[in-house]
Amino acid sequence: MANVSKRLPENVPGDFFVDSSCIDCDQCRQITPSVFRAYSDKSVVHHQPETPEEALRAEMALLACPTASIGTVEKRDLTRAIASFPEWIAETIYFCGFTSEDSYGASSYLIVRPEGNVLVDSPRFTTPLVRRMEAMGGVSLMFLTHGDDVADHEEFRKHFGCERLMHRGDIGPSTASVERKLEGPEALQVSADLLVIPTPGHTRGHQVLLYQEKILFTGDHLWWNEARKGLSASKEVCWYSWEEQIRSMERLLAFRFEWVLPGHGHRHHASVEEMHHSLEQCIAWMKRQ
């Protein structure tokens, strides 16, 4: 629970607040930008909710916070906010919320499909989310983009009995038990609608998932940068090889997609042509860094 005694002084007066344990993961600002904004290396409340919908979104941000850094002065009924996750994004894609501090608040996603649901990276293993996933058909496959965002993968495996898929280049002590370890640089068609594309760079074994040639789950490889108004990557948090990440980005030009759903950073939806052009611009920008 957030601690009101550690309430950041930059919060505006009112019920919602952020305390000093905030790690600046950006989730609250993405979920409820009208209420939360960045201040130095933290998030703060810059506007108290004024409508029921705004209050609901702020409650969802509170639940999604990986460090429980968001709180309220008054006790609130969070039933509606809890029931809002997983949150529908598009098609049959849902944002799980309930992010984990172990993955620095990374987003995870649920793909609902007749052939079996796919969990992309791991959220926090928490009873309300698990029950909702059960009601939506459970999880048959867990796709892990890279070693940073595995969080509570073991708990989800034990509960749902799902197969986990990860590139061998990112396997470590905490993921040694993963059932399916991919190798090599070639794309792999896991099923008719799921294509795994190795994208080394951020980490050695990073990979992305293309669903229905439309939706690209990008982990920490690629995201939408609101400040630059374009697709982007980060040299600062590139743990393996920036040059390799550029080459991986160039390989993505061969694929069609309309959505970028990242672990960190903003989501983005555009036409295939617009996305391709923005990716070209991103690559050119990366080569200048």
Protein backbone atom coordinates (compact mmCIF):
# COMPACT_ATOMS: atom_id res chain seq x y z
CA MET A 1 0.00 0.00 0.00
CA ALA A 2 1.15 3.54 -0.73
CA ASN A 3 2.17 5.48 2.36
CA VAL A 4 0.51 8.85 2.81
CA SER A 5 3.39 9.95 5.06
CA LYS A 6 5.67 9.52 2.02
CA ARG A 7 3.34 11.43 -0.30
CA LEU A 8 5.39 13.39 -2.82
CA PRO A 9 4.93 17.15 -2.29
CA GLU A 10 4.46 17.66 -6.04
CA ASN A 11 1.07 15.89 -5.91
CA VAL A 12 -1.87 18.28 -6.08
CA PRO A 13 -4.08 18.24 -2.96
CA GLY A 14 -6.83 15.64 -2.92
CA ASP A 15 -7.60 11.97 -2.51
CA PHE A 16 -5.18 10.32 -4.97
CA PHE A 17 -1.44 10.60 -4.44
CA VAL A 18 1.89 9.01 -5.43
CA ASP A 19 4.49 8.28 -2.76
CA SER A 20 8.29 8.28 -2.90
CA SER A 21 8.54 4.56 -3.76
CA CYS A 22 7.58 5.32 -7.39
CA ILE A 23 10.08 3.86 -9.91
CA ASP A 24 8.88 5.94 -12.90
CA CYS A 25 7.65 2.95 -14.93
CA ASP A 26 5.14 5.23 -16.72
CA GLN A 27 2.17 2.85 -16.42
CA CYS A 28 -0.05 5.30 -14.52
CA ARG A 29 0.66 8.05 -17.03
CA GLN A 30 -0.35 5.77 -19.89
CA ILE A 31 -3.49 4.49 -18.17
CA THR A 32 -4.70 7.86 -16.85
CA PRO A 33 -2.76 10.74 -18.44
CA SER A 34 -5.37 13.26 -17.29
CA VAL A 35 -4.50 12.49 -13.64
CA PHE A 36 -0.82 11.50 -13.61
CA ARG A 37 2.23 13.13 -15.15
CA ALA A 38 6.01 12.90 -14.90
CA TYR A 39 7.94 15.01 -12.44
CA SER A 40 11.71 14.53 -12.35
CA ASP A 41 12.19 10.75 -12.03
CA LYS A 42 8.72 10.06 -10.57
CA SER A 43 5.05 10.22 -11.45
CA VAL A 44 2.75 12.56 -9.54
CA VAL A 45 -0.94 13.46 -9.49
CA HIS A 46 -1.31 16.72 -11.40
CA HIS A 47 -5.12 16.67 -11.52
CA GLN A 48 -7.57 14.95 -9.18
CA PRO A 49 -10.29 12.91 -10.93
CA GLU A 50 -13.47 14.87 -11.54
CA THR A 51 -15.73 12.31 -13.20
CA PRO A 52 -16.62 8.68 -12.38
CA GLU A 53 -14.78 7.53 -15.51
CA GLU A 54 -11.67 9.48 -14.58
CA ALA A 55 -11.80 8.06 -11.05
CA LEU A 56 -12.12 4.53 -12.46
CA ARG A 57 -9.07 5.05 -14.67
CA ALA A 58 -7.09 6.37 -11.68
CA GLU A 59 -8.12 3.29 -9.68
CA MET A 60 -6.95 1.07 -12.55
CA ALA A 61 -3.60 2.86 -12.48
CA LEU A 62 -3.43 2.24 -8.74
CA LEU A 63 -3.94 -1.50 -9.29
CA ALA A 64 -1.50 -1.68 -12.19
CA CYS A 65 1.31 0.07 -10.29
CA PRO A 66 4.13 -2.47 -9.76
CA THR A 67 5.35 -0.91 -6.51
CA ALA A 68 2.00 0.02 -4.90
CA SER A 69 3.16 3.64 -5.02
CA ILE A 70 -0.31 5.07 -5.77
CA GLY A 71 -2.75 5.51 -2.92
CA THR A 72 -5.87 7.31 -1.76
CA VAL A 73 -6.53 9.12 1.47
CA GLU A 74 -10.06 7.73 1.67
CA LYS A 75 -10.86 4.01 1.40
CA ARG A 76 -12.31 3.22 -2.04
CA ASP A 77 -14.27 0.32 -3.47
CA LEU A 78 -12.01 -1.05 -6.22
CA THR A 79 -14.42 -3.74 -7.45
CA ARG A 80 -15.02 -2.08 -10.84
CA ALA A 81 -11.35 -1.33 -11.35
CA ILE A 82 -10.36 -4.92 -10.57
CA ALA A 83 -12.96 -6.21 -13.03
CA SER A 84 -11.55 -3.90 -15.72
CA PHE A 85 -8.47 -6.11 -16.15
CA PRO A 86 -7.57 -7.63 -18.48
CA GLU A 87 -8.51 -4.49 -20.42
CA TRP A 88 -9.56 -4.79 -24.06
CA ILE A 89 -7.25 -3.07 -26.55
CA ALA A 90 -8.27 -4.27 -30.02
CA GLU A 91 -9.39 -7.40 -31.84
CA THR A 92 -9.07 -10.13 -29.17
CA ILE A 93 -6.10 -8.49 -27.41
CA TYR A 94 -6.14 -7.44 -23.76
CA PHE A 95 -3.76 -5.53 -21.47
CA CYS A 96 -3.28 -7.50 -18.26
CA GLY A 97 -2.54 -4.61 -15.88
CA PHE A 98 -1.25 -5.74 -12.46
CA THR A 99 2.36 -5.17 -13.51
CA SER A 100 5.30 -6.56 -11.56
CA GLU A 101 8.21 -4.75 -9.96
CA ASP A 102 10.36 -7.71 -11.07
CA SER A 103 9.88 -6.55 -14.68
CA TYR A 104 10.06 -2.83 -13.80
CA GLY A 105 6.35 -2.44 -14.49
CA ALA A 106 6.41 -3.91 -18.00
CA SER A 107 3.11 -4.44 -19.81
CA SER A 108 1.90 -7.95 -20.54
CA TYR A 109 -0.92 -8.98 -22.87
CA LEU A 110 -3.46 -11.75 -23.32
CA ILE A 111 -4.43 -12.98 -26.79
CA VAL A 112 -7.82 -14.71 -26.69
CA ARG A 113 -8.15 -17.27 -29.49
CA PRO A 114 -10.09 -20.52 -30.15
CA GLU A 115 -6.85 -22.49 -30.46
CA GLY A 116 -5.84 -21.49 -26.93
CA ASN A 117 -5.03 -18.18 -25.27
CA VAL A 118 -1.52 -16.74 -25.34
CA LEU A 119 -0.01 -14.73 -22.49
CA VAL A 120 2.71 -12.39 -23.75
CA ASP A 121 5.22 -11.81 -20.94
CA SER A 122 4.20 -12.10 -17.31
CA PRO A 123 2.08 -9.81 -15.17
CA ARG A 124 1.94 -10.06 -11.39
CA PHE A 125 0.38 -13.34 -10.28
CA THR A 126 -2.63 -12.13 -8.34
CA THR A 127 -5.92 -13.88 -7.62
CA PRO A 128 -8.35 -11.38 -9.22
CA LEU A 129 -6.40 -11.38 -12.51
CA VAL A 130 -6.02 -15.16 -12.54
CA ARG A 131 -9.75 -15.65 -11.99
CA ARG A 132 -10.55 -13.31 -14.86
CA MET A 133 -8.11 -15.20 -17.08
CA GLU A 134 -9.79 -18.46 -16.11
CA ALA A 135 -13.16 -17.02 -17.14
CA MET A 136 -11.66 -15.97 -20.48
CA GLY A 137 -10.37 -19.46 -21.27
CA GLY A 138 -7.12 -19.69 -19.31
CA VAL A 139 -3.63 -19.71 -20.82
CA SER A 140 -2.25 -22.44 -23.09
CA LEU A 141 0.96 -20.73 -24.24
CA MET A 142 3.19 -18.13 -22.59
CA PHE A 143 5.45 -16.19 -24.94
CA LEU A 144 8.40 -14.56 -23.18
CA THR A 145 10.01 -11.79 -25.20
CA HIS A 146 13.21 -11.68 -23.15
CA GLY A 147 14.72 -12.23 -19.73
CA ASP A 148 13.77 -8.84 -18.24
CA ASP A 149 10.01 -9.35 -18.34
CA VAL A 150 9.46 -12.91 -17.11
CA ALA A 151 8.22 -11.82 -13.64
CA ASP A 152 5.86 -14.51 -12.24
CA HIS A 153 6.06 -16.89 -15.20
CA GLU A 154 6.58 -19.93 -12.95
CA GLU A 155 3.34 -19.29 -11.05
CA PHE A 156 1.34 -18.95 -14.27
CA ARG A 157 2.90 -22.16 -15.59
CA LYS A 158 1.98 -24.06 -12.43
CA HIS A 159 -1.57 -22.72 -12.36
CA PHE A 160 -2.53 -23.03 -16.02
CA GLY A 161 -0.13 -25.76 -17.15
CA CYS A 162 0.82 -23.59 -20.12
CA GLU A 163 3.85 -24.22 -22.33
CA ARG A 164 6.43 -21.44 -22.17
CA LEU A 165 8.36 -20.30 -25.22
CA MET A 166 11.60 -18.29 -25.03
CA HIS A 167 14.80 -17.89 -27.03
CA ARG A 168 17.76 -19.82 -25.67
CA GLY A 169 19.89 -16.67 -25.85
CA ASP A 170 18.01 -15.25 -22.87
CA ILE A 171 17.64 -18.40 -20.78
CA GLY A 172 19.02 -17.97 -17.27
CA PRO A 173 18.65 -19.61 -13.85
CA SER A 174 15.10 -18.31 -13.37
CA THR A 175 13.97 -19.53 -16.81
CA ALA A 176 15.90 -22.81 -17.11
CA SER A 177 12.64 -24.75 -16.76
CA VAL A 178 11.03 -23.13 -19.85
CA GLU A 179 9.55 -25.94 -21.95
CA ARG A 180 10.37 -24.66 -25.43
CA LYS A 181 13.72 -22.98 -26.03
CA LEU A 182 14.12 -21.51 -29.51
CA GLU A 183 17.47 -21.20 -31.24
CA GLY A 184 18.97 -19.34 -34.16
CA PRO A 185 18.11 -16.12 -36.00
CA GLU A 186 15.28 -17.35 -38.23
CA ALA A 187 11.60 -16.50 -37.77
CA LEU A 188 9.48 -19.42 -36.61
CA GLN A 189 5.83 -20.01 -37.51
CA VAL A 190 4.47 -21.40 -34.23
CA SER A 191 0.95 -21.66 -35.66
CA ALA A 192 -0.99 -20.22 -38.59
CA ASP A 193 -1.52 -16.94 -36.72
CA LEU A 194 1.63 -16.72 -34.55
CA LEU A 195 5.08 -15.86 -35.93
CA VAL A 196 8.09 -15.55 -33.63
CA ILE A 197 10.79 -13.17 -34.91
CA PRO A 198 14.19 -13.13 -33.15
CA THR A 199 15.28 -9.53 -32.54
CA PRO A 200 18.60 -9.58 -30.65
CA GLY A 201 19.91 -6.24 -29.46
CA HIS A 202 18.24 -5.13 -26.26
CA THR A 203 19.24 -8.56 -25.00
CA ARG A 204 20.95 -11.42 -26.80
CA GLY A 205 17.84 -13.58 -27.04
CA HIS A 206 15.15 -10.93 -27.44
CA GLN A 207 12.27 -11.90 -29.73
CA VAL A 208 8.97 -10.37 -30.82
CA LEU A 209 5.64 -11.99 -31.67
CA LEU A 210 3.55 -11.18 -34.75
CA TYR A 211 -0.11 -12.13 -34.46
CA GLN A 212 -2.28 -12.48 -37.59
CA GLU A 213 0.18 -10.34 -39.58
CA LYS A 214 -1.37 -7.38 -37.80
CA ILE A 215 -0.32 -7.04 -34.15
CA LEU A 216 3.35 -6.97 -33.11
CA PHE A 217 4.23 -7.62 -29.47
CA THR A 218 7.61 -5.96 -29.18
CA GLY A 219 8.85 -6.40 -25.60
CA ASP A 220 11.66 -3.88 -25.06
CA HIS A 221 12.73 -3.83 -28.71
CA LEU A 222 10.41 -1.16 -30.15
CA TRP A 223 7.74 1.24 -28.91
CA TRP A 224 5.99 4.50 -29.71
CA ASN A 225 7.75 7.60 -28.41
CA GLU A 226 5.21 10.32 -27.64
CA ALA A 227 7.85 13.05 -27.46
CA ARG A 228 9.31 12.20 -30.88
CA LYS A 229 5.94 11.14 -32.35
CA GLY A 230 7.50 8.08 -33.87
CA LEU A 231 8.60 4.52 -33.27
CA SER A 232 11.69 4.36 -31.10
CA ALA A 233 14.22 2.28 -29.18
CA SER A 234 16.68 3.09 -26.42
CA LYS A 235 20.46 2.93 -26.66
CA GLU A 236 20.68 3.74 -22.95
CA VAL A 237 18.94 0.50 -21.94
CA CYS A 238 20.38 -1.68 -24.70
CA TRP A 239 22.06 -4.43 -22.69
CA TYR A 240 23.55 -6.53 -25.53
CA SER A 241 24.32 -4.68 -28.78
CA TRP A 242 22.99 -1.46 -30.32
CA GLU A 243 24.35 -2.42 -33.74
CA GLU A 244 22.58 -5.79 -33.51
CA GLN A 245 19.37 -4.06 -32.45
CA ILE A 246 19.56 -1.85 -35.55
CA ARG A 247 19.97 -4.95 -37.74
CA SER A 248 17.02 -6.58 -35.99
CA MET A 249 14.96 -3.46 -36.62
CA GLU A 250 15.86 -3.57 -40.30
CA ARG A 251 14.65 -7.17 -40.50
CA LEU A 252 11.25 -6.06 -39.24
CA LEU A 253 10.79 -4.03 -42.43
CA ALA A 254 9.97 -7.31 -44.19
CA PHE A 255 6.83 -7.79 -42.07
CA ARG A 256 3.40 -6.15 -42.11
CA PHE A 257 1.79 -4.93 -38.91
CA GLU A 258 -0.67 -2.26 -37.75
CA TRP A 259 -0.12 -2.40 -34.00
CA VAL A 260 2.98 -2.11 -31.82
CA LEU A 261 2.31 -3.37 -28.29
CA PRO A 262 5.48 -2.99 -26.18
CA GLY A 263 6.53 -4.01 -22.72
CA HIS A 264 7.74 -0.48 -21.99
CA GLY A 265 6.69 2.65 -23.82
CA HIS A 266 3.48 3.61 -25.55
CA ARG A 267 1.36 1.43 -27.82
CA HIS A 268 0.67 2.59 -31.34
CA HIS A 269 -1.84 1.82 -34.08
CA ALA A 270 -1.50 3.00 -37.69
CA SER A 271 -1.89 1.72 -41.22
CA VAL A 272 0.66 -0.80 -42.48
CA GLU A 273 2.15 1.89 -44.71
CA GLU A 274 2.40 4.45 -41.92
CA MET A 275 3.95 1.90 -39.59
CA HIS A 276 6.51 0.91 -42.22
CA HIS A 277 7.46 4.54 -42.82
CA SER A 278 7.77 5.22 -39.09
CA LEU A 279 9.98 2.14 -38.72
CA GLU A 280 12.24 3.40 -41.51
CA GLN A 281 12.52 6.74 -39.72
CA CYS A 282 13.28 4.95 -36.46
CA ILE A 283 16.13 3.01 -38.08
CA ALA A 284 17.59 6.18 -39.58
CA TRP A 285 17.40 7.86 -36.15
CA MET A 286 19.06 4.85 -34.45
CA LYS A 287 21.99 4.99 -36.90
CA ARG A 288 22.62 8.61 -35.88
CA GLN A 289 22.88 7.82 -32.18
